[in-house]
Amino acid sequence: MPGQTIPDLEEVLETGEPALAHIVKTEPGESAAAKVLEARIYGTPIEALCGHVWVPSRDPKKLPLCQKCKDVYDMYKSFNDGLRDSPDE
């Protein structure tokens, strides 16, 4: 039709590494370090406590900790005596 404009919709996906170190969401008895290593090897995405999903490839020790992840972890820790002061890497 003349004069009609159809918008070009583009879905933007987040790519690249996060600018923060996230705490990986794990199941009871599951090792976060093993989960991250597997995700690095197979290129599969993992989910952080804050909901961020990414494929890890960098050393998280070089990045600042995500405050949302820390807040969620601290809340879990307050309800579960068995959790450490800081999560495994």
Protein backbone atom coordinates (compact mmCIF):
# COMPACT_ATOMS: atom_id res chain seq x y z
CA MET A 1 0.00 0.00 0.00
CA PRO A 2 1.33 3.44 -0.78
CA GLY A 3 2.20 5.60 2.20
CA GLN A 4 2.18 2.71 4.68
CA THR A 5 5.26 2.19 6.80
CA ILE A 6 6.07 -1.19 8.26
CA PRO A 7 8.48 -0.92 11.19
CA ASP A 8 11.59 -3.06 11.08
CA LEU A 9 11.57 -4.85 14.42
CA GLU A 10 14.88 -6.19 15.57
CA GLU A 11 15.34 -8.35 18.63
CA VAL A 12 18.49 -7.39 20.48
CA LEU A 13 20.17 -10.22 22.34
CA GLU A 14 22.86 -9.57 24.91
CA THR A 15 26.15 -10.83 23.62
CA GLY A 16 29.61 -10.94 25.07
CA GLU A 17 30.64 -11.32 28.65
CA PRO A 18 28.90 -9.69 31.56
CA ALA A 19 30.64 -6.73 33.19
CA LEU A 20 30.05 -8.34 36.59
CA ALA A 21 30.90 -11.63 38.24
CA HIS A 22 27.65 -13.48 38.87
CA ILE A 23 26.85 -16.24 41.37
CA VAL A 24 25.72 -19.34 39.48
CA LYS A 25 22.36 -20.87 40.34
CA THR A 26 22.87 -24.52 41.38
CA GLU A 27 20.80 -27.41 42.63
CA PRO A 28 21.46 -28.94 46.08
CA GLY A 29 24.66 -30.95 45.98
CA GLU A 30 25.70 -29.49 42.63
CA SER A 31 29.11 -27.82 42.34
CA ALA A 32 29.04 -24.28 40.95
CA ALA A 33 32.65 -24.62 39.77
CA ALA A 34 31.82 -27.83 37.89
CA LYS A 35 28.74 -26.23 36.34
CA VAL A 36 30.77 -23.23 35.12
CA LEU A 37 33.52 -25.49 33.74
CA GLU A 38 30.97 -27.60 31.86
CA ALA A 39 29.33 -24.45 30.44
CA ARG A 40 32.74 -23.18 29.28
CA ILE A 41 33.60 -26.50 27.61
CA TYR A 42 30.26 -27.04 25.85
CA GLY A 43 29.32 -23.39 25.34
CA THR A 44 26.02 -23.82 27.12
CA PRO A 45 24.40 -20.88 28.91
CA ILE A 46 24.05 -20.84 32.69
CA GLU A 47 21.83 -18.75 34.94
CA ALA A 48 22.90 -16.52 37.80
CA LEU A 49 20.96 -15.96 41.00
CA CYS A 50 19.93 -12.54 39.66
CA GLY A 51 18.47 -14.13 36.50
CA HIS A 52 21.27 -13.12 34.13
CA VAL A 53 21.97 -15.88 31.55
CA TRP A 54 25.32 -16.13 29.76
CA VAL A 55 28.02 -18.49 28.52
CA PRO A 56 31.07 -18.02 30.77
CA SER A 57 34.50 -17.59 29.21
CA ARG A 58 36.44 -15.19 31.45
CA ASP A 59 37.88 -15.34 34.95
CA PRO A 60 35.19 -13.93 37.26
CA LYS A 61 37.84 -13.00 39.86
CA LYS A 62 38.77 -10.05 37.63
CA LEU A 63 35.22 -8.60 37.72
CA PRO A 64 33.24 -6.92 40.49
CA LEU A 65 30.54 -9.09 42.11
CA CYS A 66 26.95 -8.52 40.97
CA GLN A 67 25.13 -6.84 43.86
CA LYS A 68 21.80 -8.50 42.95
CA CYS A 69 23.42 -11.96 43.09
CA LYS A 70 25.06 -11.12 46.43
CA ASP A 71 21.76 -9.90 47.87
CA VAL A 72 19.99 -13.12 46.81
CA TYR A 73 22.83 -15.25 48.21
CA ASP A 74 22.77 -13.32 51.52
CA MET A 75 19.01 -13.90 51.76
CA TYR A 76 19.48 -17.65 51.15
CA LYS A 77 22.28 -17.67 53.71
CA SER A 78 20.03 -16.09 56.35
CA PHE A 79 17.59 -18.99 55.95
CA ASN A 80 20.18 -21.78 55.63
CA ASP A 81 22.84 -22.17 58.29
CA GLY A 82 24.95 -24.45 56.07
CA LEU A 83 25.90 -21.78 53.54
CA ARG A 84 29.34 -20.19 53.61
CA ASP A 85 29.92 -16.45 53.91
CA SER A 86 30.79 -16.41 50.22
CA PRO A 87 29.83 -18.86 47.47
CA ASP A 88 32.26 -21.23 45.75
CA GLU A 89 33.84 -19.87 42.61
